[in-house]
Amino acid sequence: MAGFEARNFDVPDETRSPERTTVETVTVGGAKVGRATFQPGWRWSECIKPVVGTDDCRAHHLGVLLSGVIHVAHADGSEGDINPGDVYSIEPGHDAWVVGDDVAVGVEFDATTVGTYGKG
């Protein structure tokens, strides 16, 4: 349909499933968008680091958190929580983890990160 396109994460182009993680991607309007679901107990340094092999997360994240809470600890010493409804930008050089017992779900818009996150 010219001028309009809609996609649903229930029918993703790709799904990746590292430990305690599900990343679903869709391409819409020529842009990659990702939905990341992190289970309680998820921590980047334990679940994603073994897949990508870097000391910390080297991806830039630009997104919005829909549910759960994620704590980010950056190599520069800055840290804080991302809460439901927060729009966030996280620069490369960080660890992150789910806080508490709720599943964390976020939608990300950085095409480079969406295309490669959780891939070896």
N, C-alpha and C. Protein backbone atom coordinates (compact mmCIF):
# COMPACT_ATOMS: atom_id res chain seq x y z
N MET A 1 0.85 -1.17 0.00
CA MET A 1 0.00 0.00 0.00
C MET A 1 0.90 1.24 0.00
N ALA A 2 0.78 2.08 -0.96
CA ALA A 2 1.62 3.27 -1.07
C ALA A 2 1.35 4.24 0.08
N GLY A 3 2.42 4.75 0.68
CA GLY A 3 2.29 5.77 1.71
C GLY A 3 1.94 5.26 3.09
N PHE A 4 1.69 3.97 3.23
CA PHE A 4 1.34 3.42 4.54
C PHE A 4 1.90 2.02 4.67
N GLU A 5 2.46 1.74 5.83
CA GLU A 5 2.94 0.40 6.13
C GLU A 5 2.82 0.19 7.63
N ALA A 6 2.34 -0.96 8.04
CA ALA A 6 2.26 -1.31 9.46
C ALA A 6 2.80 -2.73 9.63
N ARG A 7 3.53 -2.93 10.69
CA ARG A 7 4.07 -4.25 11.01
C ARG A 7 3.73 -4.56 12.45
N ASN A 8 3.72 -5.84 12.78
CA ASN A 8 3.41 -6.28 14.13
C ASN A 8 4.53 -7.18 14.63
N PHE A 9 4.96 -6.96 15.86
CA PHE A 9 6.02 -7.79 16.43
C PHE A 9 5.60 -9.25 16.58
N ASP A 10 4.30 -9.53 16.51
CA ASP A 10 3.85 -10.92 16.58
C ASP A 10 4.23 -11.71 15.33
N VAL A 11 4.62 -10.99 14.26
CA VAL A 11 5.09 -11.62 13.02
C VAL A 11 6.42 -10.95 12.65
N PRO A 12 7.49 -11.25 13.43
CA PRO A 12 8.76 -10.55 13.21
C PRO A 12 9.49 -11.05 11.97
N ASP A 13 10.39 -10.21 11.47
CA ASP A 13 11.31 -10.63 10.40
C ASP A 13 12.35 -11.59 10.94
N GLU A 14 12.75 -11.36 12.19
CA GLU A 14 13.80 -12.17 12.81
C GLU A 14 13.56 -12.22 14.31
N THR A 15 13.90 -13.35 14.92
CA THR A 15 13.84 -13.51 16.37
C THR A 15 15.17 -14.08 16.85
N ARG A 16 15.75 -13.46 17.87
CA ARG A 16 16.97 -13.97 18.49
C ARG A 16 16.66 -14.27 19.95
N SER A 17 17.28 -15.34 20.48
CA SER A 17 16.95 -15.76 21.84
C SER A 17 18.18 -16.13 22.66
N PRO A 18 19.08 -15.16 22.94
CA PRO A 18 20.14 -15.46 23.90
C PRO A 18 19.51 -15.75 25.27
N GLU A 19 20.30 -16.21 26.21
CA GLU A 19 19.79 -16.56 27.53
C GLU A 19 18.95 -15.43 28.14
N ARG A 20 17.75 -15.78 28.61
CA ARG A 20 16.81 -14.85 29.27
C ARG A 20 16.45 -13.65 28.42
N THR A 21 16.59 -13.75 27.09
CA THR A 21 16.39 -12.62 26.19
C THR A 21 15.62 -13.07 24.96
N THR A 22 14.70 -12.24 24.50
CA THR A 22 14.08 -12.42 23.19
C THR A 22 14.14 -11.08 22.48
N VAL A 23 14.69 -11.07 21.28
CA VAL A 23 14.74 -9.86 20.46
C VAL A 23 14.00 -10.16 19.16
N GLU A 24 12.94 -9.40 18.91
CA GLU A 24 12.17 -9.55 17.68
C GLU A 24 12.35 -8.28 16.87
N THR A 25 12.63 -8.43 15.57
CA THR A 25 12.85 -7.26 14.73
C THR A 25 11.85 -7.25 13.58
N VAL A 26 11.46 -6.03 13.20
CA VAL A 26 10.64 -5.81 12.01
C VAL A 26 11.26 -4.65 11.25
N THR A 27 11.05 -4.66 9.95
CA THR A 27 11.45 -3.53 9.12
C THR A 27 10.18 -2.87 8.63
N VAL A 28 10.08 -1.57 8.88
CA VAL A 28 8.90 -0.81 8.49
C VAL A 28 9.38 0.55 7.97
N GLY A 29 8.88 0.94 6.83
CA GLY A 29 9.31 2.20 6.23
C GLY A 29 10.80 2.24 5.97
N GLY A 30 11.40 1.08 5.74
CA GLY A 30 12.83 0.99 5.50
C GLY A 30 13.69 1.04 6.76
N ALA A 31 13.06 1.14 7.94
CA ALA A 31 13.80 1.22 9.21
C ALA A 31 13.61 -0.07 10.00
N LYS A 32 14.69 -0.52 10.66
CA LYS A 32 14.61 -1.67 11.56
C LYS A 32 14.19 -1.19 12.95
N VAL A 33 13.22 -1.87 13.52
CA VAL A 33 12.76 -1.59 14.88
C VAL A 33 12.78 -2.92 15.63
N GLY A 34 13.19 -2.88 16.89
CA GLY A 34 13.29 -4.11 17.67
C GLY A 34 12.51 -4.04 18.96
N ARG A 35 11.96 -5.19 19.34
CA ARG A 35 11.36 -5.33 20.67
C ARG A 35 12.20 -6.33 21.43
N ALA A 36 12.71 -5.89 22.58
CA ALA A 36 13.55 -6.74 23.42
C ALA A 36 12.79 -7.08 24.69
N THR A 37 12.77 -8.37 25.02
CA THR A 37 12.12 -8.85 26.24
C THR A 37 13.19 -9.49 27.10
N PHE A 38 13.33 -9.00 28.33
CA PHE A 38 14.34 -9.48 29.26
C PHE A 38 13.64 -10.09 30.47
N GLN A 39 13.95 -11.34 30.75
CA GLN A 39 13.35 -12.05 31.87
C GLN A 39 14.01 -11.64 33.19
N PRO A 40 13.29 -11.78 34.31
CA PRO A 40 13.92 -11.53 35.61
C PRO A 40 15.21 -12.33 35.72
N GLY A 41 16.23 -11.71 36.27
CA GLY A 41 17.54 -12.35 36.38
C GLY A 41 18.45 -12.05 35.19
N TRP A 42 17.90 -11.38 34.14
CA TRP A 42 18.73 -11.04 32.99
C TRP A 42 19.76 -9.98 33.39
N ARG A 43 20.96 -10.20 32.93
CA ARG A 43 22.05 -9.22 33.10
C ARG A 43 22.90 -9.30 31.84
N TRP A 44 23.20 -8.13 31.25
CA TRP A 44 23.96 -8.12 30.01
C TRP A 44 25.25 -8.92 30.13
N SER A 45 26.02 -8.69 31.22
CA SER A 45 27.32 -9.33 31.38
C SER A 45 27.23 -10.85 31.55
N GLU A 46 26.06 -11.36 31.86
CA GLU A 46 25.90 -12.82 32.01
C GLU A 46 25.19 -13.45 30.81
N CYS A 47 24.30 -12.73 30.18
CA CYS A 47 23.46 -13.31 29.13
C CYS A 47 23.88 -12.94 27.71
N ILE A 48 24.40 -11.75 27.51
CA ILE A 48 24.75 -11.28 26.16
C ILE A 48 26.27 -11.30 25.94
N LYS A 49 27.03 -10.97 26.96
CA LYS A 49 28.50 -10.96 26.85
C LYS A 49 29.04 -12.26 26.26
N PRO A 50 28.57 -13.44 26.70
CA PRO A 50 29.10 -14.68 26.11
C PRO A 50 28.81 -14.81 24.61
N VAL A 51 27.77 -14.16 24.13
CA VAL A 51 27.40 -14.23 22.71
C VAL A 51 28.28 -13.28 21.90
N VAL A 52 28.48 -12.05 22.39
CA VAL A 52 29.18 -11.03 21.60
C VAL A 52 30.67 -10.95 21.89
N GLY A 53 31.09 -11.41 23.10
CA GLY A 53 32.50 -11.49 23.41
C GLY A 53 33.21 -10.19 23.75
N THR A 54 32.48 -9.13 24.07
CA THR A 54 33.11 -7.87 24.49
C THR A 54 33.00 -7.73 26.01
N ASP A 55 33.85 -6.88 26.58
CA ASP A 55 33.84 -6.71 28.04
C ASP A 55 32.60 -6.00 28.55
N ASP A 56 32.04 -5.10 27.72
CA ASP A 56 30.82 -4.40 28.08
C ASP A 56 29.99 -4.24 26.82
N CYS A 57 28.78 -3.74 26.95
CA CYS A 57 27.91 -3.58 25.79
C CYS A 57 28.45 -2.44 24.92
N ARG A 58 28.73 -2.72 23.67
CA ARG A 58 29.29 -1.74 22.74
C ARG A 58 28.22 -1.13 21.84
N ALA A 59 26.97 -1.38 22.15
CA ALA A 59 25.86 -0.87 21.33
C ALA A 59 25.31 0.43 21.90
N HIS A 60 24.80 1.27 20.99
CA HIS A 60 24.04 2.46 21.39
C HIS A 60 22.57 2.04 21.40
N HIS A 61 21.88 2.39 22.45
CA HIS A 61 20.46 2.05 22.57
C HIS A 61 19.64 3.33 22.59
N LEU A 62 18.61 3.35 21.76
CA LEU A 62 17.66 4.45 21.72
C LEU A 62 16.29 3.82 21.69
N GLY A 63 15.51 4.01 22.75
CA GLY A 63 14.23 3.32 22.79
C GLY A 63 13.32 3.83 23.88
N VAL A 64 12.30 3.03 24.14
CA VAL A 64 11.33 3.31 25.19
C VAL A 64 11.06 2.00 25.93
N LEU A 65 11.03 2.07 27.26
CA LEU A 65 10.74 0.89 28.07
C LEU A 65 9.24 0.83 28.31
N LEU A 66 8.65 -0.31 27.97
CA LEU A 66 7.21 -0.49 28.12
C LEU A 66 6.83 -1.09 29.46
N SER A 67 7.69 -1.97 30.00
CA SER A 67 7.38 -2.61 31.29
C SER A 67 8.67 -3.02 31.96
N GLY A 68 8.58 -3.26 33.27
CA GLY A 68 9.74 -3.67 34.05
C GLY A 68 10.64 -2.49 34.35
N VAL A 69 11.76 -2.80 34.99
CA VAL A 69 12.77 -1.79 35.33
C VAL A 69 14.13 -2.37 34.95
N ILE A 70 14.95 -1.54 34.30
CA ILE A 70 16.31 -1.94 33.95
C ILE A 70 17.27 -0.94 34.57
N HIS A 71 18.31 -1.45 35.24
CA HIS A 71 19.35 -0.61 35.80
C HIS A 71 20.53 -0.63 34.83
N VAL A 72 21.08 0.55 34.56
CA VAL A 72 22.23 0.68 33.66
C VAL A 72 23.40 1.23 34.46
N ALA A 73 24.57 0.58 34.35
CA ALA A 73 25.80 1.07 34.97
C ALA A 73 26.80 1.30 33.84
N HIS A 74 27.16 2.57 33.62
CA HIS A 74 28.03 2.93 32.51
C HIS A 74 29.48 3.00 32.96
N ALA A 75 30.38 2.71 32.04
CA ALA A 75 31.82 2.72 32.33
C ALA A 75 32.30 4.08 32.83
N ASP A 76 31.61 5.17 32.47
CA ASP A 76 32.03 6.50 32.93
C ASP A 76 31.59 6.79 34.36
N GLY A 77 30.93 5.82 35.00
CA GLY A 77 30.48 5.98 36.38
C GLY A 77 29.04 6.40 36.52
N SER A 78 28.41 6.84 35.44
CA SER A 78 26.99 7.20 35.53
C SER A 78 26.15 5.94 35.58
N GLU A 79 25.05 6.00 36.29
CA GLU A 79 24.15 4.86 36.36
C GLU A 79 22.77 5.32 36.79
N GLY A 80 21.79 4.47 36.53
CA GLY A 80 20.43 4.80 36.92
C GLY A 80 19.46 3.77 36.41
N ASP A 81 18.20 3.95 36.80
CA ASP A 81 17.14 3.04 36.40
C ASP A 81 16.36 3.60 35.23
N ILE A 82 15.91 2.70 34.36
CA ILE A 82 14.96 3.02 33.31
C ILE A 82 13.65 2.40 33.73
N ASN A 83 12.60 3.21 33.78
CA ASN A 83 11.29 2.79 34.25
C ASN A 83 10.28 2.76 33.11
N PRO A 84 9.16 2.07 33.28
CA PRO A 84 8.14 2.03 32.23
C PRO A 84 7.75 3.44 31.78
N GLY A 85 7.72 3.64 30.47
CA GLY A 85 7.39 4.94 29.90
C GLY A 85 8.59 5.82 29.64
N ASP A 86 9.75 5.46 30.19
CA ASP A 86 10.96 6.25 29.96
C ASP A 86 11.47 6.04 28.54
N VAL A 87 11.80 7.13 27.89
CA VAL A 87 12.51 7.10 26.61
C VAL A 87 13.98 7.26 26.97
N TYR A 88 14.85 6.41 26.41
CA TYR A 88 16.23 6.39 26.85
C TYR A 88 17.22 6.39 25.69
N SER A 89 18.41 6.89 26.00
CA SER A 89 19.57 6.79 25.13
C SER A 89 20.71 6.30 26.02
N ILE A 90 21.30 5.19 25.65
CA ILE A 90 22.42 4.61 26.40
C ILE A 90 23.59 4.49 25.44
N GLU A 91 24.69 5.14 25.77
CA GLU A 91 25.88 5.09 24.93
C GLU A 91 26.62 3.77 25.14
N PRO A 92 27.46 3.38 24.18
CA PRO A 92 28.27 2.16 24.36
C PRO A 92 29.13 2.25 25.61
N GLY A 93 29.43 1.08 26.19
CA GLY A 93 30.30 1.01 27.37
C GLY A 93 29.52 0.85 28.66
N HIS A 94 28.62 -0.12 28.71
CA HIS A 94 27.78 -0.27 29.89
C HIS A 94 27.45 -1.74 30.17
N ASP A 95 26.99 -1.98 31.37
CA ASP A 95 26.33 -3.22 31.75
C ASP A 95 24.91 -2.81 32.12
N ALA A 96 23.99 -3.76 32.12
CA ALA A 96 22.60 -3.47 32.48
C ALA A 96 21.96 -4.74 33.00
N TRP A 97 20.92 -4.59 33.83
CA TRP A 97 20.22 -5.76 34.35
C TRP A 97 18.79 -5.41 34.73
N VAL A 98 17.97 -6.46 34.74
CA VAL A 98 16.58 -6.33 35.16
C VAL A 98 16.55 -6.19 36.67
N VAL A 99 15.78 -5.23 37.16
CA VAL A 99 15.59 -5.02 38.59
C VAL A 99 14.27 -5.67 38.99
N GLY A 100 14.29 -6.51 40.00
CA GLY A 100 13.07 -7.11 40.51
C GLY A 100 12.61 -8.32 39.72
N ASP A 101 11.34 -8.66 39.92
CA ASP A 101 10.78 -9.89 39.38
C ASP A 101 9.87 -9.70 38.18
N ASP A 102 9.82 -8.49 37.62
CA ASP A 102 8.97 -8.25 36.46
C ASP A 102 9.78 -8.35 35.17
N VAL A 103 9.14 -8.87 34.14
CA VAL A 103 9.73 -8.90 32.81
C VAL A 103 9.88 -7.47 32.31
N ALA A 104 11.03 -7.17 31.70
CA ALA A 104 11.26 -5.84 31.12
C ALA A 104 11.13 -5.95 29.60
N VAL A 105 10.34 -5.06 29.02
CA VAL A 105 10.13 -5.04 27.57
C VAL A 105 10.40 -3.63 27.07
N GLY A 106 11.25 -3.53 26.06
CA GLY A 106 11.56 -2.24 25.47
C GLY A 106 11.50 -2.32 23.96
N VAL A 107 11.24 -1.17 23.33
CA VAL A 107 11.26 -1.05 21.88
C VAL A 107 12.42 -0.14 21.53
N GLU A 108 13.26 -0.60 20.60
CA GLU A 108 14.47 0.16 20.23
C GLU A 108 14.44 0.58 18.78
N PHE A 109 15.02 1.77 18.52
CA PHE A 109 14.95 2.39 17.21
C PHE A 109 16.30 2.62 16.55
N ASP A 110 17.41 2.32 17.23
CA ASP A 110 18.72 2.48 16.60
C ASP A 110 18.93 1.31 15.64
N ALA A 111 18.91 1.57 14.34
CA ALA A 111 18.91 0.50 13.34
C ALA A 111 20.14 -0.39 13.43
N THR A 112 21.30 0.17 13.74
CA THR A 112 22.50 -0.64 13.85
C THR A 112 22.38 -1.62 15.01
N THR A 113 21.94 -1.13 16.16
CA THR A 113 21.76 -1.99 17.33
C THR A 113 20.69 -3.04 17.07
N VAL A 114 19.56 -2.63 16.53
CA VAL A 114 18.46 -3.57 16.26
C VAL A 114 18.95 -4.68 15.33
N GLY A 115 19.76 -4.34 14.36
CA GLY A 115 20.22 -5.33 13.40
C GLY A 115 21.23 -6.32 13.94
N THR A 116 21.93 -5.96 15.03
CA THR A 116 23.02 -6.81 15.50
C THR A 116 22.90 -7.29 16.94
N TYR A 117 21.98 -6.73 17.75
CA TYR A 117 21.96 -7.03 19.18
C TYR A 117 21.72 -8.51 19.44
N GLY A 118 22.56 -9.10 20.27
CA GLY A 118 22.42 -10.49 20.66
C GLY A 118 22.91 -11.47 19.61
N LYS A 119 23.63 -10.97 18.62
CA LYS A 119 24.24 -11.86 17.61
C LYS A 119 25.72 -12.01 17.90
N GLY A 120 26.23 -13.17 17.61
CA GLY A 120 27.67 -13.42 17.81
C GLY A 120 28.49 -12.94 16.66
